Amino acid sequence: MNRKGSAVWSGDLKTGKGSLSTQSGTLAEAQYSFGTRFENGVGTNPEELIAAAHAGCFSMALSSILGGAKIAPERIATTSTVTLEFVDGNPTITKVHLDTTANVPGISEEDFQKYAAEAKANCPISRLLKAEITMTAVLEG
């Protein structure tokens, strides 16, 4: 299974602008810029999208793990905070923190923590952040 996202950027880093789109059309030319990434401009940025993807992925993984244990969660709400800092002069995602709150009737605190740790370690986005990254680069013109 493959899913696609795309980006178009025009101009230099500080005054240029770009748009992000997803294959599903959920994002269609969503605006991003230097201001939305490193300041407080209107629009989105890659780190915010990673955070949303991680929160959604983790919540689904936890639900799956609980379901495998024959436990039905009523609600799982997760916020992912992606930290972008400059390391050796380069913007770098240095950490990601997940905050999750779940309503899971009939589960012990110990079991909940065990299942949450498993979901954190094994959801595809958690695993992506450790993955090999490959690339094909084509210079036009």
Protein backbone atom coordinates (compact mmCIF):
# COMPACT_ATOMS: atom_id res chain seq x y z
CA MET A 1 0.00 0.00 0.00
CA ASN A 2 1.36 3.40 -0.95
CA ARG A 3 0.04 6.81 0.06
CA LYS A 4 1.23 10.05 -1.46
CA GLY A 5 1.72 13.61 -0.33
CA SER A 6 3.19 16.35 -2.46
CA ALA A 7 4.72 19.77 -2.05
CA VAL A 8 5.44 22.66 -4.37
CA TRP A 9 7.77 25.49 -3.29
CA SER A 10 8.40 28.73 -5.15
CA GLY A 11 11.03 31.32 -4.26
CA ASP A 12 13.75 31.59 -1.69
CA LEU A 13 13.48 30.29 1.86
CA LYS A 14 12.45 33.46 3.67
CA THR A 15 10.09 35.08 1.16
CA GLY A 16 8.99 32.06 -0.85
CA LYS A 17 5.86 30.05 -0.29
CA GLY A 18 4.60 26.59 -0.94
CA SER A 19 1.63 24.30 -0.90
CA LEU A 20 1.09 20.79 0.42
CA SER A 21 -1.44 18.30 -0.91
CA THR A 22 -2.44 14.73 -0.13
CA GLN A 23 -3.53 11.97 -2.44
CA SER A 24 -6.90 11.74 -0.68
CA GLY A 25 -7.55 15.44 -1.22
CA THR A 26 -7.92 16.10 2.50
CA LEU A 27 -5.14 18.62 2.06
CA ALA A 28 -5.38 20.45 -1.24
CA GLU A 29 -2.73 23.09 -1.75
CA ALA A 30 -2.50 23.90 1.98
CA GLN A 31 -0.27 26.95 2.34
CA TYR A 32 3.08 26.79 4.11
CA SER A 33 6.01 29.18 4.33
CA PHE A 34 9.02 30.18 6.39
CA GLY A 35 6.61 32.10 8.61
CA THR A 36 4.39 29.08 9.27
CA ARG A 37 7.36 26.88 10.02
CA PHE A 38 9.69 29.06 12.06
CA GLU A 39 7.44 31.91 13.20
CA ASN A 40 3.67 32.20 13.78
CA GLY A 41 2.38 32.64 10.24
CA VAL A 42 -0.99 31.41 8.99
CA GLY A 43 -0.81 27.97 7.40
CA THR A 44 0.67 24.61 8.21
CA ASN A 45 4.16 23.12 8.35
CA PRO A 46 5.75 19.67 8.04
CA GLU A 47 6.26 19.25 11.79
CA GLU A 48 2.59 19.96 12.53
CA LEU A 49 1.58 17.36 9.96
CA ILE A 50 3.96 14.80 11.48
CA ALA A 51 2.46 15.55 14.90
CA ALA A 52 -1.10 15.00 13.67
CA ALA A 53 -0.09 11.82 11.85
CA HIS A 54 1.67 10.48 14.95
CA ALA A 55 -1.27 11.25 17.24
CA GLY A 56 -3.68 9.50 14.88
CA CYS A 57 -1.39 6.54 14.31
CA PHE A 58 -0.74 6.02 18.01
CA SER A 59 -4.45 6.20 18.89
CA MET A 60 -5.32 3.62 16.24
CA ALA A 61 -2.45 1.35 17.32
CA LEU A 62 -3.56 1.50 20.95
CA SER A 63 -7.12 0.70 19.93
CA SER A 64 -5.87 -2.28 17.92
CA ILE A 65 -3.74 -3.61 20.77
CA LEU A 66 -6.63 -3.25 23.22
CA GLY A 67 -8.94 -4.99 20.75
CA GLY A 68 -6.47 -7.85 20.47
CA ALA A 69 -6.73 -8.23 24.24
CA LYS A 70 -10.55 -8.25 23.92
CA ILE A 71 -10.81 -4.82 25.54
CA ALA A 72 -12.96 -2.15 23.91
CA PRO A 73 -11.87 1.45 24.48
CA GLU A 74 -14.63 4.05 24.56
CA ARG A 75 -12.33 6.93 23.66
CA ILE A 76 -8.63 7.57 23.04
CA ALA A 77 -7.49 11.19 22.65
CA THR A 78 -3.85 11.87 21.81
CA THR A 79 -1.78 15.00 21.26
CA SER A 80 1.67 14.72 19.73
CA THR A 81 4.17 17.52 20.28
CA VAL A 82 7.02 17.61 17.78
CA THR A 83 10.01 19.69 18.88
CA LEU A 84 12.03 21.40 16.14
CA GLU A 85 15.34 22.87 17.29
CA PHE A 86 18.54 23.96 15.60
CA VAL A 87 21.32 21.39 16.01
CA ASP A 88 24.70 22.23 14.51
CA GLY A 89 22.98 25.03 12.59
CA ASN A 90 20.37 22.73 11.04
CA PRO A 91 16.67 22.55 11.91
CA THR A 92 16.18 19.13 13.49
CA ILE A 93 13.28 17.27 15.03
CA THR A 94 14.85 16.48 18.38
CA LYS A 95 11.94 14.80 20.12
CA VAL A 96 8.30 13.88 19.98
CA HIS A 97 6.08 13.64 23.05
CA LEU A 98 2.73 11.84 23.08
CA ASP A 99 0.03 12.83 25.58
CA THR A 100 -2.86 10.39 25.57
CA THR A 101 -6.00 10.11 27.65
CA ALA A 102 -8.19 7.08 27.27
CA ASN A 103 -11.49 5.84 28.63
CA VAL A 104 -11.09 2.07 28.76
CA PRO A 105 -13.58 0.35 31.07
CA GLY A 106 -12.34 -2.65 33.00
CA ILE A 107 -8.59 -2.22 32.47
CA SER A 108 -5.96 -1.94 35.18
CA GLU A 109 -3.48 0.95 35.20
CA GLU A 110 -0.63 -1.52 34.81
CA ASP A 111 -2.15 -3.14 31.71
CA PHE A 112 -3.06 0.23 30.21
CA GLN A 113 0.52 1.48 30.59
CA LYS A 114 1.85 -1.75 29.03
CA TYR A 115 -0.46 -1.48 26.02
CA ALA A 116 0.26 2.25 25.59
CA ALA A 117 4.03 1.60 25.63
CA GLU A 118 3.56 -1.12 23.00
CA ALA A 119 1.54 1.26 20.81
CA LYS A 120 4.17 4.00 21.19
CA ALA A 121 6.95 1.64 20.16
CA ASN A 122 5.15 -0.03 17.28
CA CYS A 123 2.76 2.35 15.56
CA PRO A 124 3.96 2.92 11.98
CA ILE A 125 4.76 6.62 12.52
CA SER A 126 6.87 5.83 15.61
CA ARG A 127 8.68 3.26 13.50
CA LEU A 128 9.01 5.72 10.59
CA LEU A 129 10.95 8.12 12.75
CA LYS A 130 13.61 5.39 12.96
CA ALA A 131 13.35 4.23 9.34
CA GLU A 132 15.81 4.25 6.49
CA ILE A 133 15.02 7.11 4.13
CA THR A 134 15.66 6.58 0.44
CA MET A 135 15.53 9.18 -2.34
CA THR A 136 15.44 9.69 -6.07
CA ALA A 137 16.52 13.20 -7.12
CA VAL A 138 16.05 14.54 -10.65
CA LEU A 139 17.36 17.89 -11.81
CA GLU A 140 15.16 19.47 -14.46
CA GLY A 141 16.39 21.62 -17.31
